[in-house]
Every structure is written in structure tokens, then in C-alpha cells.
Amino acid sequence: MEGGCLTVNGSGAKAHLKLAVGDEVVWQLEEELLADEPQAEVLPLEILFEDEALLVLNKQPGVVVHPGAGQGAGTLLNGLLGYDAVFREVERAGIVHRLDKDTSGVLVVAKREAVREALQAQFKERTTGKQYRAVVRGCAPQETVVRTQLGRHPVHRKKQSVLETGGREAVSRVYCEEVFAEASLVRVAIETGRTHQIRVHMAHLGHPVLGDALYGGRKKVVEAVGVERQLLHAWRLELSHPVSGERFCFEAPMPGDMLDVIQQLREII
């Protein structure tokens, strides 16, 4: 707005302006913000499985999946283009689903457009099986199901939140695997794949993911064991091969920093 890049009905807009039905809002991107064609880069990829149709990776924490504002290089998409030119021929370089920058774990990529569409259908129809592991604050319940409506936070627009009305159904099944002095290791099976679903649901339970600054995971226990990111890992992905129909189950080992924190927590009395 300050730079005159946003107009309402052809005129400059101010922040307090209330919109009405039928208003035309135009946002003109500044030239330097326009995304260039993604470039191929040779980046390290931890490959769990590969054939003529699929590539399954263990995404490392800190890796951004898609290029975006402020991150035009060094992303997983750039790395895929550098790994095999076949990904140039597939929308979004074959990336079917995404993980947050600081979330690690299993991620499947399609080598052909028909394969990408078939995999997308499985995610949409909820025929995939997705399980995560996370280190959370406090003593988590032994077993619980979280079923809520999830949507954009009404005030903090970068956050998702549990809503009384509106939003979309989100279902997470939480199983406590180990309890420490001030934290727990949990396994979470998700039936839906909403944005930030596990992070929001664990915070809703009062057990936010350790290191999750957005949803309340920064407490003394975080400082004690040196947590530098949200300790969330996409551990297992189960799906049907889009060509053969065979059922596959892929598992990714937890990253070193997460294992180190778990060991430190075991030693806290």
C-alpha cells in the first residue's frame, strides 16, 4: 500500500478501508518480487526409493520445498531439477505434497504428470497413511483423537487455528511413545492433511511441539536441550504405487538433531 502497488477500484487504498461486495482489488508485484524460472541446482538428496515413476526422499530440516519470496534458490524443487531433467516435464517438478521448512521426513515426488495426478488423487481421497513423530512439551496423553475444524487464525494471518465455526475438518490420532521429565515423544497419525495440522492440534492439547515458535513451543525445556527448530518428523508414508497398484510403506529415520534432543531429555532427572 505504501508503495502504491495495491489499488481498490483503480484508486490507492489505505489499511483501514473496508471492502464491499464487487470491489476490485489489484496487487501489482514489484519487478524484483516476480518469480524467475526455477534453476537446476546440484543439492544433496537423501533418496529412500526410486523407480521409473516415483522418487521418495527423506527431506532434511531447514530445506524449503518450493521457491518463494526470499527463497529463490536452494530449495528441494531446485535440487530435483538438478538431479534429473525429467522433473522439468512435470508440474511443480513432480512435488505432490509439502512439508514445512523445519519439518523433516518422507516426501514423494512424481516423475510423470499422470503419476503426479494419480498420487494427488490418493492424498485427496485419504487412501494414503501418514504418520509423524514429534517431541512435545509436557506429559502427553497415552492415546487421544483430536477432531476439530481448522482454518486461518482470525487475527494472526500467518497462523492456523482451531475454529468453532467454518474452516475444514482436521483429524489427528496421537499416541504417546515415551515420557521424559518435561516433554514427551509422540506418534501422530493424520487422517487429513491441513496446513500446520499437527502443530496446531498439539498446541490445542496443551502440548506444543518443542521449538515451534509460532504455536508456543518455546519454554525452558527448549533452552535446556538446545532445540533450534520444531521437532516434527514425517516418519512414515503408506501409498499405492500409481502404476503397479502395489502397496508401499516408506519410513525415514529421524534426523540427528532430534535424536540428540531425545537422548538429552532421557538424561534429565
C-alpha atoms as a PDB file:
ATOM      1  CA  MET A   1       0.000   0.000   0.000  1.00  0.00           C
ATOM      2  CA  GLU A   2       2.732   2.458   0.936  1.00  0.00           C
ATOM      3  CA  GLY A   3       4.437   1.899  -2.399  1.00  0.00           C
ATOM      4  CA  GLY A   4       1.217   2.339  -4.354  1.00  0.00           C
ATOM      5  CA  CYS A   5       1.245  -1.300  -5.505  1.00  0.00           C
ATOM      6  CA  LEU A   6      -2.269  -2.041  -4.254  1.00  0.00           C
ATOM      7  CA  THR A   7      -5.418  -0.361  -5.549  1.00  0.00           C
ATOM      8  CA  VAL A   8      -9.127  -0.772  -4.899  1.00  0.00           C
ATOM      9  CA  ASN A   9     -11.409   0.121  -7.819  1.00  0.00           C
ATOM     10  CA  GLY A  10      -8.461   1.813  -9.511  1.00  0.00           C
ATOM     11  CA  SER A  11      -7.532   4.076  -6.579  1.00  0.00           C
ATOM     12  CA  GLY A  12      -4.876   3.859  -3.889  1.00  0.00           C
ATOM     13  CA  ALA A  13      -6.028   2.038  -0.743  1.00  0.00           C
ATOM     14  CA  LYS A  14      -5.419   2.655   2.936  1.00  0.00           C
ATOM     15  CA  ALA A  15      -5.164  -0.034   5.591  1.00  0.00           C
ATOM     16  CA  HIS A  16      -8.449   0.861   7.327  1.00  0.00           C
ATOM     17  CA  LEU A  17     -10.523   0.655   4.136  1.00  0.00           C
ATOM     18  CA  LYS A  18     -13.456  -1.753   4.431  1.00  0.00           C
ATOM     19  CA  LEU A  19     -14.183  -3.737   1.299  1.00  0.00           C
ATOM     20  CA  ALA A  20     -17.644  -4.198  -0.185  1.00  0.00           C
ATOM     21  CA  VAL A  21     -19.013  -6.914  -2.442  1.00  0.00           C
ATOM     22  CA  GLY A  22     -17.950  -6.217  -6.018  1.00  0.00           C
ATOM     23  CA  ASP A  23     -14.819  -4.198  -5.169  1.00  0.00           C
ATOM     24  CA  GLU A  24     -11.871  -4.911  -7.455  1.00  0.00           C
ATOM     25  CA  VAL A  25      -8.597  -5.324  -5.583  1.00  0.00           C
ATOM     26  CA  VAL A  26      -5.417  -5.264  -7.681  1.00  0.00           C
ATOM     27  CA  TRP A  27      -1.979  -6.061  -6.322  1.00  0.00           C
ATOM     28  CA  GLN A  28       0.897  -5.243  -8.672  1.00  0.00           C
ATOM     29  CA  LEU A  29       4.057  -7.148  -7.791  1.00  0.00           C
ATOM     30  CA  GLU A  30       7.234  -5.139  -7.848  1.00  0.00           C
ATOM     31  CA  GLU A  31       9.635  -6.346 -10.517  1.00  0.00           C
ATOM     32  CA  GLU A  32      12.134  -7.836  -8.056  1.00  0.00           C
ATOM     33  CA  LEU A  33       9.396  -9.942  -6.436  1.00  0.00           C
ATOM     34  CA  LEU A  34       8.372 -11.665  -9.658  1.00  0.00           C
ATOM     35  CA  ALA A  35       9.474 -15.286  -9.617  1.00  0.00           C
ATOM     36  CA  ASP A  36      12.049 -16.251 -12.214  1.00  0.00           C
ATOM     37  CA  GLU A  37      12.108 -19.659 -13.836  1.00  0.00           C
ATOM     38  CA  PRO A  38      13.456 -22.088 -11.182  1.00  0.00           C
ATOM     39  CA  GLN A  39      17.055 -23.038 -11.871  1.00  0.00           C
ATOM     40  CA  ALA A  40      18.546 -26.517 -11.604  1.00  0.00           C
ATOM     41  CA  GLU A  41      20.998 -26.931  -8.734  1.00  0.00           C
ATOM     42  CA  VAL A  42      23.110 -29.848  -7.580  1.00  0.00           C
ATOM     43  CA  LEU A  43      21.953 -30.321  -3.982  1.00  0.00           C
ATOM     44  CA  PRO A  44      22.243 -33.282  -1.608  1.00  0.00           C
ATOM     45  CA  LEU A  45      19.167 -35.525  -1.689  1.00  0.00           C
ATOM     46  CA  GLU A  46      18.628 -38.473   0.645  1.00  0.00           C
ATOM     47  CA  ILE A  47      16.798 -40.963  -1.561  1.00  0.00           C
ATOM     48  CA  LEU A  48      14.739 -43.698   0.113  1.00  0.00           C
ATOM     49  CA  PHE A  49      13.302 -45.230  -3.074  1.00  0.00           C
ATOM     50  CA  GLU A  50      13.352 -44.631  -6.808  1.00  0.00           C
ATOM     51  CA  ASP A  51      11.911 -46.279  -9.910  1.00  0.00           C
ATOM     52  CA  GLU A  52      10.673 -45.095 -13.308  1.00  0.00           C
ATOM     53  CA  ALA A  53       7.599 -43.439 -11.776  1.00  0.00           C
ATOM     54  CA  LEU A  54       8.492 -42.253  -8.266  1.00  0.00           C
ATOM     55  CA  LEU A  55      11.209 -40.676  -6.187  1.00  0.00           C
ATOM     56  CA  VAL A  56      10.840 -40.879  -2.407  1.00  0.00           C
ATOM     57  CA  LEU A  57      13.055 -38.628  -0.287  1.00  0.00           C
ATOM     58  CA  ASN A  58      13.917 -38.040   3.339  1.00  0.00           C
ATOM     59  CA  LYS A  59      13.683 -34.238   3.422  1.00  0.00           C
ATOM     60  CA  GLN A  60      16.154 -32.688   5.809  1.00  0.00           C
ATOM     61  CA  PRO A  61      15.153 -29.966   8.308  1.00  0.00           C
ATOM     62  CA  GLY A  62      15.791 -26.424   7.106  1.00  0.00           C
ATOM     63  CA  VAL A  63      15.082 -27.247   3.461  1.00  0.00           C
ATOM     64  CA  VAL A  64      12.323 -25.223   1.756  1.00  0.00           C
ATOM     65  CA  VAL A  65      10.226 -27.305  -0.648  1.00  0.00           C
ATOM     66  CA  HIS A  66       9.139 -24.655  -3.204  1.00  0.00           C
ATOM     67  CA  PRO A  67      10.841 -21.397  -4.223  1.00  0.00           C
ATOM     68  CA  GLY A  68       9.056 -18.310  -2.946  1.00  0.00           C
ATOM     69  CA  ALA A  69       9.552 -14.759  -1.761  1.00  0.00           C
ATOM     70  CA  GLY A  70      13.010 -14.512  -0.232  1.00  0.00           C
ATOM     71  CA  GLN A  71      13.923 -18.104  -1.180  1.00  0.00           C
ATOM     72  CA  GLY A  72      14.533 -18.432  -4.885  1.00  0.00           C
ATOM     73  CA  ALA A  73      17.373 -20.953  -4.701  1.00  0.00           C
ATOM     74  CA  GLY A  74      18.486 -23.900  -2.619  1.00  0.00           C
ATOM     75  CA  THR A  75      15.001 -25.377  -2.431  1.00  0.00           C
ATOM     76  CA  LEU A  76      14.030 -29.009  -2.888  1.00  0.00           C
ATOM     77  CA  LEU A  77      12.492 -28.105  -6.251  1.00  0.00           C
ATOM     78  CA  ASN A  78      15.819 -26.665  -7.434  1.00  0.00           C
ATOM     79  CA  GLY A  79      17.536 -29.841  -6.283  1.00  0.00           C
ATOM     80  CA  LEU A  80      15.081 -32.062  -8.156  1.00  0.00           C
ATOM     81  CA  LEU A  81      15.697 -30.133 -11.385  1.00  0.00           C
ATOM     82  CA  GLY A  82      19.422 -30.627 -10.879  1.00  0.00           C
ATOM     83  CA  TYR A  83      19.044 -34.320 -10.106  1.00  0.00           C
ATOM     84  CA  ASP A  84      17.090 -35.355 -13.198  1.00  0.00           C
ATOM     85  CA  ALA A  85      15.861 -33.349 -16.186  1.00  0.00           C
ATOM     86  CA  VAL A  86      12.667 -35.439 -16.199  1.00  0.00           C
ATOM     87  CA  PHE A  87      11.291 -33.187 -13.458  1.00  0.00           C
ATOM     88  CA  ARG A  88      11.262 -30.278 -15.926  1.00  0.00           C
ATOM     89  CA  GLU A  89       8.371 -32.001 -17.702  1.00  0.00           C
ATOM     90  CA  VAL A  90       6.153 -32.346 -14.611  1.00  0.00           C
ATOM     91  CA  GLU A  91       4.154 -29.597 -12.919  1.00  0.00           C
ATOM     92  CA  ARG A  92       5.884 -28.338  -9.750  1.00  0.00           C
ATOM     93  CA  ALA A  93       8.767 -30.675 -10.584  1.00  0.00           C
ATOM     94  CA  GLY A  94       6.543 -33.573  -9.553  1.00  0.00           C
ATOM     95  CA  ILE A  95       6.142 -32.485  -5.934  1.00  0.00           C
ATOM     96  CA  VAL A  96       2.813 -33.889  -4.760  1.00  0.00           C
ATOM     97  CA  HIS A  97       2.688 -32.694  -1.139  1.00  0.00           C
ATOM     98  CA  ARG A  98       4.846 -30.497   1.045  1.00  0.00           C
ATOM     99  CA  LEU A  99       6.486 -30.334   4.435  1.00  0.00           C
ATOM    100  CA  ASP A 100       7.253 -27.159   6.369  1.00  0.00           C
ATOM    101  CA  LYS A 101      10.809 -25.845   6.134  1.00  0.00           C
ATOM    102  CA  ASP A 102      11.767 -27.110   9.593  1.00  0.00           C
ATOM    103  CA  THR A 103       9.883 -30.415   9.324  1.00  0.00           C
ATOM    104  CA  SER A 104      11.882 -33.405   8.136  1.00  0.00           C
ATOM    105  CA  GLY A 105      10.850 -36.753   6.701  1.00  0.00           C
ATOM    106  CA  VAL A 106       9.243 -38.729   3.886  1.00  0.00           C
ATOM    107  CA  LEU A 107       8.231 -36.841   0.779  1.00  0.00           C
ATOM    108  CA  VAL A 108       7.134 -38.451  -2.514  1.00  0.00           C
ATOM    109  CA  VAL A 109       7.788 -36.943  -5.951  1.00  0.00           C
ATOM    110  CA  ALA A 110       6.321 -37.994  -9.313  1.00  0.00           C
ATOM    111  CA  LYS A 111       8.395 -38.391 -12.469  1.00  0.00           C
ATOM    112  CA  ARG A 112       5.450 -38.128 -14.861  1.00  0.00           C
ATOM    113  CA  GLU A 113       2.375 -35.911 -14.921  1.00  0.00           C
ATOM    114  CA  ALA A 114      -0.027 -38.875 -14.916  1.00  0.00           C
ATOM    115  CA  VAL A 115       1.745 -40.261 -11.853  1.00  0.00           C
ATOM    116  CA  ARG A 116       1.525 -36.883 -10.103  1.00  0.00           C
ATOM    117  CA  GLU A 117      -2.219 -36.715 -10.739  1.00  0.00           C
ATOM    118  CA  ALA A 118      -2.729 -40.286  -9.500  1.00  0.00           C
ATOM    119  CA  LEU A 119      -0.799 -39.566  -6.312  1.00  0.00           C
ATOM    120  CA  GLN A 120      -2.710 -36.333  -5.754  1.00  0.00           C
ATOM    121  CA  ALA A 121      -5.945 -38.308  -6.004  1.00  0.00           C
ATOM    122  CA  GLN A 122      -4.741 -40.675  -3.269  1.00  0.00           C
ATOM    123  CA  PHE A 123      -3.977 -37.779  -0.932  1.00  0.00           C
ATOM    124  CA  LYS A 124      -7.320 -36.152  -1.697  1.00  0.00           C
ATOM    125  CA  GLU A 125      -9.268 -39.382  -1.171  1.00  0.00           C
ATOM    126  CA  ARG A 126      -7.342 -40.094   2.066  1.00  0.00           C
ATOM    127  CA  THR A 127      -6.152 -43.511   0.959  1.00  0.00           C
ATOM    128  CA  THR A 128      -2.583 -42.730   1.996  1.00  0.00           C
ATOM    129  CA  GLY A 129      -1.317 -43.422   5.505  1.00  0.00           C
ATOM    130  CA  LYS A 130       0.702 -40.624   7.129  1.00  0.00           C
ATOM    131  CA  GLN A 131       2.437 -40.876  10.484  1.00  0.00           C
ATOM    132  CA  TYR A 132       4.710 -38.356  12.175  1.00  0.00           C
ATOM    133  CA  ARG A 133       6.875 -38.317  15.261  1.00  0.00           C
ATOM    134  CA  ALA A 134       7.266 -35.220  17.403  1.00  0.00           C
ATOM    135  CA  VAL A 135       8.814 -34.161  20.689  1.00  0.00           C
ATOM    136  CA  VAL A 136       6.245 -32.101  22.580  1.00  0.00           C
ATOM    137  CA  ARG A 137       6.121 -30.181  25.824  1.00  0.00           C
ATOM    138  CA  GLY A 138       4.781 -31.851  28.960  1.00  0.00           C
ATOM    139  CA  CYS A 139       3.328 -35.288  29.626  1.00  0.00           C
ATOM    140  CA  ALA A 140       1.196 -36.122  26.593  1.00  0.00           C
ATOM    141  CA  PRO A 141      -1.905 -38.363  26.946  1.00  0.00           C
ATOM    142  CA  GLN A 142      -1.342 -42.060  26.289  1.00  0.00           C
ATOM    143  CA  GLU A 143      -3.750 -42.056  23.362  1.00  0.00           C
ATOM    144  CA  THR A 144      -6.230 -39.478  22.079  1.00  0.00           C
ATOM    145  CA  VAL A 145      -8.054 -38.371  18.950  1.00  0.00           C
ATOM    146  CA  VAL A 146      -8.178 -34.673  18.057  1.00  0.00           C
ATOM    147  CA  ARG A 147     -11.055 -33.819  15.731  1.00  0.00           C
ATOM    148  CA  THR A 148     -11.578 -30.099  15.084  1.00  0.00           C
ATOM    149  CA  GLN A 149     -12.331 -27.504  12.436  1.00  0.00           C
ATOM    150  CA  LEU A 150      -9.106 -25.869  11.283  1.00  0.00           C
ATOM    151  CA  GLY A 151      -8.691 -22.595   9.432  1.00  0.00           C
ATOM    152  CA  ARG A 152      -6.873 -19.292   9.193  1.00  0.00           C
ATOM    153  CA  HIS A 153      -6.415 -17.519  12.528  1.00  0.00           C
ATOM    154  CA  PRO A 154      -8.833 -14.567  12.630  1.00  0.00           C
ATOM    155  CA  VAL A 155      -6.112 -12.132  13.761  1.00  0.00           C
ATOM    156  CA  HIS A 156      -2.681 -13.644  13.110  1.00  0.00           C
ATOM    157  CA  ARG A 157      -2.888 -14.368   9.389  1.00  0.00           C
ATOM    158  CA  LYS A 158       0.286 -16.468   9.246  1.00  0.00           C
ATOM    159  CA  LYS A 159      -1.194 -18.924  11.722  1.00  0.00           C
ATOM    160  CA  GLN A 160      -3.842 -21.612  11.553  1.00  0.00           C
ATOM    161  CA  SER A 161      -6.192 -22.171  14.470  1.00  0.00           C
ATOM    162  CA  VAL A 162      -8.979 -24.362  15.821  1.00  0.00           C
ATOM    163  CA  LEU A 163     -12.292 -22.726  14.905  1.00  0.00           C
ATOM    164  CA  GLU A 164     -15.763 -23.034  16.410  1.00  0.00           C
ATOM    165  CA  THR A 165     -17.379 -22.465  13.026  1.00  0.00           C
ATOM    166  CA  GLY A 166     -16.068 -22.574   9.476  1.00  0.00           C
ATOM    167  CA  GLY A 167     -12.720 -23.992   8.495  1.00  0.00           C
ATOM    168  CA  ARG A 168     -12.169 -27.597   7.406  1.00  0.00           C
ATOM    169  CA  GLU A 169     -12.300 -30.804   9.398  1.00  0.00           C
ATOM    170  CA  ALA A 170      -8.927 -31.981  10.706  1.00  0.00           C
ATOM    171  CA  VAL A 171      -8.359 -35.316  12.434  1.00  0.00           C
ATOM    172  CA  SER A 172      -5.190 -36.393  14.253  1.00  0.00           C
ATOM    173  CA  ARG A 173      -4.636 -39.556  16.292  1.00  0.00           C
ATOM    174  CA  VAL A 174      -1.963 -39.047  18.954  1.00  0.00           C
ATOM    175  CA  TYR A 175      -0.062 -41.881  20.657  1.00  0.00           C
ATOM    176  CA  CYS A 176       2.480 -41.227  23.420  1.00  0.00           C
ATOM    177  CA  GLU A 177       5.604 -43.363  22.925  1.00  0.00           C
ATOM    178  CA  GLU A 178       7.871 -42.068  25.700  1.00  0.00           C
ATOM    179  CA  VAL A 179       7.604 -39.577  28.569  1.00  0.00           C
ATOM    180  CA  PHE A 180      10.558 -37.558  29.841  1.00  0.00           C
ATOM    181  CA  ALA A 181      10.851 -35.152  32.773  1.00  0.00           C
ATOM    182  CA  GLU A 182       9.391 -32.174  30.901  1.00  0.00           C
ATOM    183  CA  ALA A 183       8.495 -33.500  27.475  1.00  0.00           C
ATOM    184  CA  SER A 184       7.121 -36.478  25.527  1.00  0.00           C
ATOM    185  CA  LEU A 185       7.833 -38.315  22.286  1.00  0.00           C
ATOM    186  CA  VAL A 186       4.565 -38.816  20.396  1.00  0.00           C
ATOM    187  CA  ARG A 187       3.490 -40.514  17.208  1.00  0.00           C
ATOM    188  CA  VAL A 188       0.720 -38.791  15.268  1.00  0.00           C
ATOM    189  CA  ALA A 189      -1.324 -40.432  12.527  1.00  0.00           C
ATOM    190  CA  ILE A 190      -3.221 -37.862  10.498  1.00  0.00           C
ATOM    191  CA  GLU A 191      -6.391 -38.623   8.576  1.00  0.00           C
ATOM    192  CA  THR A 192      -6.408 -35.174   6.944  1.00  0.00           C
ATOM    193  CA  GLY A 193      -3.552 -33.014   5.698  1.00  0.00           C
ATOM    194  CA  ARG A 194      -4.370 -29.454   6.719  1.00  0.00           C
ATOM    195  CA  THR A 195      -1.759 -26.698   6.889  1.00  0.00           C
ATOM    196  CA  HIS A 196       0.152 -26.894  10.200  1.00  0.00           C
ATOM    197  CA  GLN A 197      -2.340 -29.535  11.383  1.00  0.00           C
ATOM    198  CA  ILE A 198      -0.127 -31.403  13.864  1.00  0.00           C
ATOM    199  CA  ARG A 199       1.442 -28.217  15.213  1.00  0.00           C
ATOM    200  CA  VAL A 200      -1.966 -26.643  15.841  1.00  0.00           C
ATOM    201  CA  HIS A 201      -3.520 -29.796  17.293  1.00  0.00           C
ATOM    202  CA  MET A 202      -0.662 -30.426  19.713  1.00  0.00           C
ATOM    203  CA  ALA A 203      -0.793 -26.801  20.893  1.00  0.00           C
ATOM    204  CA  HIS A 204      -4.578 -27.191  21.250  1.00  0.00           C
ATOM    205  CA  LEU A 205      -3.955 -30.172  23.554  1.00  0.00           C
ATOM    206  CA  GLY A 206      -1.578 -28.069  25.636  1.00  0.00           C
ATOM    207  CA  HIS A 207       1.482 -29.960  24.352  1.00  0.00           C
ATOM    208  CA  PRO A 208       3.032 -27.831  21.586  1.00  0.00           C
ATOM    209  CA  VAL A 209       5.881 -29.224  19.520  1.00  0.00           C
ATOM    210  CA  LEU A 210       9.214 -28.291  21.090  1.00  0.00           C
ATOM    211  CA  GLY A 211      10.914 -25.460  19.234  1.00  0.00           C
ATOM    212  CA  ASP A 212       7.717 -24.343  17.483  1.00  0.00           C
ATOM    213  CA  ALA A 213       7.928 -20.566  17.927  1.00  0.00           C
ATOM    214  CA  LEU A 214       4.672 -19.970  16.041  1.00  0.00           C
ATOM    215  CA  TYR A 215       2.473 -22.158  18.228  1.00  0.00           C
ATOM    216  CA  GLY A 216       4.020 -21.823  21.669  1.00  0.00           C
ATOM    217  CA  GLY A 217       6.811 -24.353  21.970  1.00  0.00           C
ATOM    218  CA  ARG A 218       9.464 -22.013  23.393  1.00  0.00           C
ATOM    219  CA  LYS A 219       9.836 -22.820  27.086  1.00  0.00           C
ATOM    220  CA  LYS A 220      12.678 -23.540  29.492  1.00  0.00           C
ATOM    221  CA  VAL A 221      12.973 -27.162  28.406  1.00  0.00           C
ATOM    222  CA  VAL A 222      13.728 -25.930  24.872  1.00  0.00           C
ATOM    223  CA  GLU A 223      16.670 -23.893  26.099  1.00  0.00           C
ATOM    224  CA  ALA A 224      17.928 -26.719  28.320  1.00  0.00           C
ATOM    225  CA  VAL A 225      18.403 -29.170  25.462  1.00  0.00           C
ATOM    226  CA  GLY A 226      19.313 -26.684  22.717  1.00  0.00           C
ATOM    227  CA  VAL A 227      16.289 -27.009  20.442  1.00  0.00           C
ATOM    228  CA  GLU A 228      16.696 -24.804  17.375  1.00  0.00           C
ATOM    229  CA  ARG A 229      13.633 -25.798  15.329  1.00  0.00           C
ATOM    230  CA  GLN A 230      10.272 -27.510  15.638  1.00  0.00           C
ATOM    231  CA  LEU A 231      10.942 -31.172  16.388  1.00  0.00           C
ATOM    232  CA  LEU A 232       8.484 -32.689  13.923  1.00  0.00           C
ATOM    233  CA  HIS A 233       9.356 -35.549  11.574  1.00  0.00           C
ATOM    234  CA  ALA A 234       7.261 -37.191   8.848  1.00  0.00           C
ATOM    235  CA  TRP A 235       8.188 -40.737   9.817  1.00  0.00           C
ATOM    236  CA  ARG A 236       6.043 -42.994   7.628  1.00  0.00           C
ATOM    237  CA  LEU A 237       4.109 -42.686   4.365  1.00  0.00           C
ATOM    238  CA  GLU A 238       1.970 -45.514   3.012  1.00  0.00           C
ATOM    239  CA  LEU A 239       0.533 -45.387  -0.506  1.00  0.00           C
ATOM    240  CA  SER A 240      -0.383 -47.470  -3.534  1.00  0.00           C
ATOM    241  CA  HIS A 241       2.058 -47.388  -6.426  1.00  0.00           C
ATOM    242  CA  PRO A 242       0.254 -45.419  -9.161  1.00  0.00           C
ATOM    243  CA  VAL A 243       1.495 -47.798 -11.889  1.00  0.00           C
ATOM    244  CA  SER A 244       1.601 -51.288 -10.352  1.00  0.00           C
ATOM    245  CA  GLY A 245      -1.013 -50.752  -7.646  1.00  0.00           C
ATOM    246  CA  GLU A 246       1.293 -52.412  -5.110  1.00  0.00           C
ATOM    247  CA  ARG A 247       1.027 -51.046  -1.568  1.00  0.00           C
ATOM    248  CA  PHE A 248       4.255 -49.429  -0.377  1.00  0.00           C
ATOM    249  CA  CYS A 249       5.287 -48.204   3.059  1.00  0.00           C
ATOM    250  CA  PHE A 250       8.220 -45.808   3.288  1.00  0.00           C
ATOM    251  CA  GLU A 251       9.928 -44.856   6.556  1.00  0.00           C
ATOM    252  CA  ALA A 252      12.525 -42.142   7.146  1.00  0.00           C
ATOM    253  CA  PRO A 253      14.981 -42.291  10.069  1.00  0.00           C
ATOM    254  CA  MET A 254      14.778 -39.356  12.463  1.00  0.00           C
ATOM    255  CA  PRO A 255      17.425 -36.660  11.898  1.00  0.00           C
ATOM    256  CA  GLY A 256      20.413 -36.385  14.181  1.00  0.00           C
ATOM    257  CA  ASP A 257      19.373 -33.207  15.992  1.00  0.00           C
ATOM    258  CA  MET A 258      16.067 -34.786  17.017  1.00  0.00           C
ATOM    259  CA  LEU A 259      17.786 -37.948  18.264  1.00  0.00           C
ATOM    260  CA  ASP A 260      20.260 -35.814  20.238  1.00  0.00           C
ATOM    261  CA  VAL A 261      17.435 -33.914  21.962  1.00  0.00           C
ATOM    262  CA  ILE A 262      15.645 -37.165  22.841  1.00  0.00           C
ATOM    263  CA  GLN A 263      18.836 -38.538  24.396  1.00  0.00           C
ATOM    264  CA  GLN A 264      19.345 -35.350  26.410  1.00  0.00           C
ATOM    265  CA  LEU A 265      15.754 -35.458  27.639  1.00  0.00           C
ATOM    266  CA  ARG A 266      16.252 -39.039  28.820  1.00  0.00           C
ATOM    267  CA  GLU A 267      19.124 -37.855  30.958  1.00  0.00           C
ATOM    268  CA  ILE A 268      17.170 -35.042  32.668  1.00  0.00           C
ATOM    269  CA  ILE A 269      16.012 -36.165  36.126  1.00  0.00           C
END
